[in-house]
């Protein structure tokens, strides 16, 4: 039974979100353009997310970041090219 318990523990560890994933998601939540109530909900969910779930959350949050050009923040040539490609 010891080997089975160890195998289960190792499998569960593979599914746990890393601290860097959690910190990255948290920073994306704070900078996102989503409404405050949704931000609070996502922050509460962070502690229970596994690795796959947090990757989905990160993808969602990346899609909801402010546009650097339209917001007037610092931007570079890569940002300009991305913006132009979206309109083509």
Protein backbone atom coordinates (compact mmCIF):
# COMPACT_ATOMS: atom_id res chain seq x y z
CA UNK A 1 0.00 0.00 0.00
CA UNK A 2 2.91 2.32 0.65
CA UNK A 3 3.84 2.29 -3.04
CA UNK A 4 0.29 3.10 -4.12
CA UNK A 5 0.07 5.99 -1.66
CA UNK A 6 3.41 7.29 -2.89
CA UNK A 7 2.30 7.01 -6.53
CA UNK A 8 -0.92 8.89 -5.79
CA UNK A 9 1.00 11.61 -3.96
CA UNK A 10 3.41 12.00 -6.89
CA UNK A 11 0.53 12.16 -9.37
CA UNK A 12 -1.25 14.81 -7.32
CA UNK A 13 1.94 16.83 -7.11
CA UNK A 14 2.12 16.90 -10.92
CA UNK A 15 -1.30 18.53 -10.96
CA UNK A 16 -0.56 21.20 -8.36
CA UNK A 17 -0.04 24.70 -9.66
CA UNK A 18 3.46 26.02 -9.12
CA UNK A 19 4.01 29.16 -7.08
CA UNK A 20 5.25 30.96 -10.19
CA UNK A 21 2.00 30.11 -12.01
CA UNK A 22 -0.02 31.44 -9.08
CA UNK A 23 2.01 34.67 -8.87
CA UNK A 24 1.79 35.22 -12.63
CA UNK A 25 -1.97 34.65 -12.63
CA UNK A 26 -2.35 36.99 -9.67
CA UNK A 27 -0.47 39.79 -11.42
CA UNK A 28 -2.55 39.27 -14.58
CA UNK A 29 -5.74 39.46 -12.52
CA UNK A 30 -4.73 42.81 -11.04
CA UNK A 31 -3.82 44.29 -14.43
CA UNK A 32 -6.77 42.85 -16.36
CA UNK A 33 -9.72 44.79 -17.73
CA UNK A 34 -12.35 42.47 -16.24
CA UNK A 35 -14.84 43.77 -13.67
CA UNK A 36 -13.83 43.87 -10.01
CA UNK A 37 -16.29 41.19 -8.89
CA UNK A 38 -14.83 38.74 -11.44
CA UNK A 39 -11.29 39.67 -10.32
CA UNK A 40 -12.23 38.88 -6.71
CA UNK A 41 -13.75 35.57 -7.78
CA UNK A 42 -10.61 34.57 -9.69
CA UNK A 43 -8.38 35.55 -6.75
CA UNK A 44 -10.44 33.28 -4.47
CA UNK A 45 -10.17 30.41 -6.97
CA UNK A 46 -6.36 30.65 -7.22
CA UNK A 47 -5.72 28.61 -4.10
CA UNK A 48 -7.77 25.65 -5.37
CA UNK A 49 -6.65 25.59 -9.02
CA UNK A 50 -4.52 22.77 -10.34
CA UNK A 51 -1.90 23.32 -13.03
CA UNK A 52 -4.27 22.81 -15.97
CA UNK A 53 -6.94 25.07 -14.51
CA UNK A 54 -4.51 27.86 -13.79
CA UNK A 55 -3.11 27.66 -17.34
CA UNK A 56 -6.65 28.15 -18.66
CA UNK A 57 -7.08 31.08 -16.29
CA UNK A 58 -3.79 32.61 -17.48
CA UNK A 59 -4.88 32.30 -21.12
CA UNK A 60 -8.21 33.98 -20.27
CA UNK A 61 -6.44 36.75 -18.38
CA UNK A 62 -3.94 37.37 -21.19
CA UNK A 63 -6.90 37.93 -23.52
CA UNK A 64 -8.28 40.51 -21.08
CA UNK A 65 -5.27 42.76 -20.65
CA UNK A 66 -5.46 46.43 -21.64
CA UNK A 67 -4.28 47.28 -25.13
CA UNK A 68 -0.93 49.08 -24.63
CA UNK A 69 -1.43 51.35 -27.63
CA UNK A 70 -5.03 52.39 -26.93
CA UNK A 71 -4.36 52.85 -23.21
CA UNK A 72 -1.49 55.24 -23.92
CA UNK A 73 1.00 53.17 -21.94
CA UNK A 74 4.49 52.26 -23.12
CA UNK A 75 4.51 50.07 -26.21
CA UNK A 76 7.04 48.78 -28.68
CA UNK A 77 7.22 47.82 -32.35
CA UNK A 78 6.03 44.30 -31.51
CA UNK A 79 2.87 45.71 -29.93
CA UNK A 80 2.26 47.84 -33.01
CA UNK A 81 2.71 44.84 -35.32
CA UNK A 82 0.27 42.75 -33.24
CA UNK A 83 -2.30 45.55 -33.39
CA UNK A 84 -1.90 45.94 -37.14
CA UNK A 85 -2.17 42.18 -37.71
CA UNK A 86 -5.45 42.11 -35.79
CA UNK A 87 -6.98 44.59 -38.21
CA UNK A 88 -5.79 42.88 -41.40
